[in-house]
Structures are given as C-alpha cells and as structure tokens.
C-alpha cells in the first residue's frame, strides 16, 4: 500500500532487469501517488477526484473504462 508498493516494485524490477522509468502503472486512487510518481508512464483510470485533479495538472493520461 502506498510507499510499500514502490519498495516491492523496485525490488521486483531489480531482480528482473526492469526499468521502472519505462514501465506503466494504472491507478484509480490518490493513495497510489508514490507508485504513479515512480514509473515513467503513470495513468489515472476512473480516478477519484484528487487523483483526477493531480493527473490533469501533471499532464498524465486519464482513462475512463
């Protein structure tokens, strides 16, 4: 959860030779901000109000599914 996702993702990426700057992360909630900021391609999907506002400010894609 939150920053814990980043730690686990970084460990997984290091073990598997994955560059997180080239990776995508999809989320609907502001609580995933640390992970969205860690990857090179953050995407807000059906975002809550806070995440939608932030994604617009940062120019991140916003998807509605």
C-alpha atoms as a PDB file:
ATOM      1  CA  UNK A   1       0.000   0.000   0.000  1.00  0.00           C
ATOM      2  CA  UNK A   2       1.299   3.476  -0.831  1.00  0.00           C
ATOM      3  CA  UNK A   3       5.069   3.652  -0.436  1.00  0.00           C
ATOM      4  CA  UNK A   4       5.155  -0.098   0.232  1.00  0.00           C
ATOM      5  CA  UNK A   5       4.126  -0.733  -3.370  1.00  0.00           C
ATOM      6  CA  UNK A   6       7.109   1.283  -4.541  1.00  0.00           C
ATOM      7  CA  UNK A   7       9.526  -0.751  -2.425  1.00  0.00           C
ATOM      8  CA  UNK A   8       8.121  -4.055  -3.672  1.00  0.00           C
ATOM      9  CA  UNK A   9       8.069  -2.819  -7.280  1.00  0.00           C
ATOM     10  CA  UNK A  10      11.677  -1.642  -7.041  1.00  0.00           C
ATOM     11  CA  UNK A  11      12.779  -4.995  -5.609  1.00  0.00           C
ATOM     12  CA  UNK A  12      10.889  -6.903  -8.304  1.00  0.00           C
ATOM     13  CA  UNK A  13      12.270  -4.641 -11.037  1.00  0.00           C
ATOM     14  CA  UNK A  14      15.842  -5.040  -9.795  1.00  0.00           C
ATOM     15  CA  UNK A  15      15.544  -8.852  -9.697  1.00  0.00           C
ATOM     16  CA  UNK A  16      14.069  -8.979 -13.192  1.00  0.00           C
ATOM     17  CA  UNK A  17      16.009  -6.282 -15.016  1.00  0.00           C
ATOM     18  CA  UNK A  18      13.011  -3.985 -15.419  1.00  0.00           C
ATOM     19  CA  UNK A  19      13.443  -0.238 -15.783  1.00  0.00           C
ATOM     20  CA  UNK A  20      10.580   1.411 -13.907  1.00  0.00           C
ATOM     21  CA  UNK A  21      11.145   4.586 -15.914  1.00  0.00           C
ATOM     22  CA  UNK A  22       9.966   2.585 -18.939  1.00  0.00           C
ATOM     23  CA  UNK A  23       7.052   0.997 -17.050  1.00  0.00           C
ATOM     24  CA  UNK A  24       3.361   1.846 -16.792  1.00  0.00           C
ATOM     25  CA  UNK A  25       1.241   1.971 -13.656  1.00  0.00           C
ATOM     26  CA  UNK A  26      -2.521   2.335 -13.671  1.00  0.00           C
ATOM     27  CA  UNK A  27      -4.482   3.509 -10.657  1.00  0.00           C
ATOM     28  CA  UNK A  28      -7.807   4.985  -9.661  1.00  0.00           C
ATOM     29  CA  UNK A  29      -6.790   6.382  -6.286  1.00  0.00           C
ATOM     30  CA  UNK A  30      -4.656   9.176  -4.902  1.00  0.00           C
ATOM     31  CA  UNK A  31      -3.196   6.755  -2.340  1.00  0.00           C
ATOM     32  CA  UNK A  32      -1.127   5.263  -5.189  1.00  0.00           C
ATOM     33  CA  UNK A  33       0.640   8.561  -5.840  1.00  0.00           C
ATOM     34  CA  UNK A  34       4.083   7.233  -4.759  1.00  0.00           C
ATOM     35  CA  UNK A  35       3.891   4.465  -7.351  1.00  0.00           C
ATOM     36  CA  UNK A  36       2.493   6.744 -10.048  1.00  0.00           C
ATOM     37  CA  UNK A  37       5.412   9.113  -9.471  1.00  0.00           C
ATOM     38  CA  UNK A  38       7.948   6.268  -9.608  1.00  0.00           C
ATOM     39  CA  UNK A  39       7.136   4.940 -13.087  1.00  0.00           C
ATOM     40  CA  UNK A  40       7.773   6.639 -16.385  1.00  0.00           C
ATOM     41  CA  UNK A  41       4.203   6.253 -17.618  1.00  0.00           C
ATOM     42  CA  UNK A  42       1.569   6.895 -14.948  1.00  0.00           C
ATOM     43  CA  UNK A  43      -2.082   6.552 -15.999  1.00  0.00           C
ATOM     44  CA  UNK A  44      -5.148   7.518 -13.970  1.00  0.00           C
ATOM     45  CA  UNK A  45      -8.058   5.141 -14.666  1.00  0.00           C
ATOM     46  CA  UNK A  46     -11.515   6.147 -13.433  1.00  0.00           C
ATOM     47  CA  UNK A  47      -9.678   8.333 -10.920  1.00  0.00           C
ATOM     48  CA  UNK A  48     -11.040   9.697  -7.682  1.00  0.00           C
ATOM     49  CA  UNK A  49     -11.408  13.477  -7.504  1.00  0.00           C
ATOM     50  CA  UNK A  50      -7.938  14.161  -6.013  1.00  0.00           C
ATOM     51  CA  UNK A  51      -6.115  11.956  -8.476  1.00  0.00           C
ATOM     52  CA  UNK A  52      -8.053  13.367 -11.443  1.00  0.00           C
ATOM     53  CA  UNK A  53      -7.106  16.917 -10.428  1.00  0.00           C
ATOM     54  CA  UNK A  54      -3.442  15.969  -9.971  1.00  0.00           C
ATOM     55  CA  UNK A  55      -3.295  13.998 -13.234  1.00  0.00           C
ATOM     56  CA  UNK A  56      -4.681  16.984 -15.133  1.00  0.00           C
ATOM     57  CA  UNK A  57      -2.080  19.304 -13.570  1.00  0.00           C
ATOM     58  CA  UNK A  58       0.758  16.906 -14.398  1.00  0.00           C
ATOM     59  CA  UNK A  59      -0.455  16.058 -17.885  1.00  0.00           C
ATOM     60  CA  UNK A  60      -0.900  12.356 -17.131  1.00  0.00           C
ATOM     61  CA  UNK A  61      -3.339  10.385 -19.263  1.00  0.00           C
ATOM     62  CA  UNK A  62      -6.780   9.915 -17.747  1.00  0.00           C
ATOM     63  CA  UNK A  63      -8.763   6.892 -18.897  1.00  0.00           C
ATOM     64  CA  UNK A  64     -12.447   6.147 -18.359  1.00  0.00           C
ATOM     65  CA  UNK A  65     -13.326   2.460 -18.633  1.00  0.00           C
END
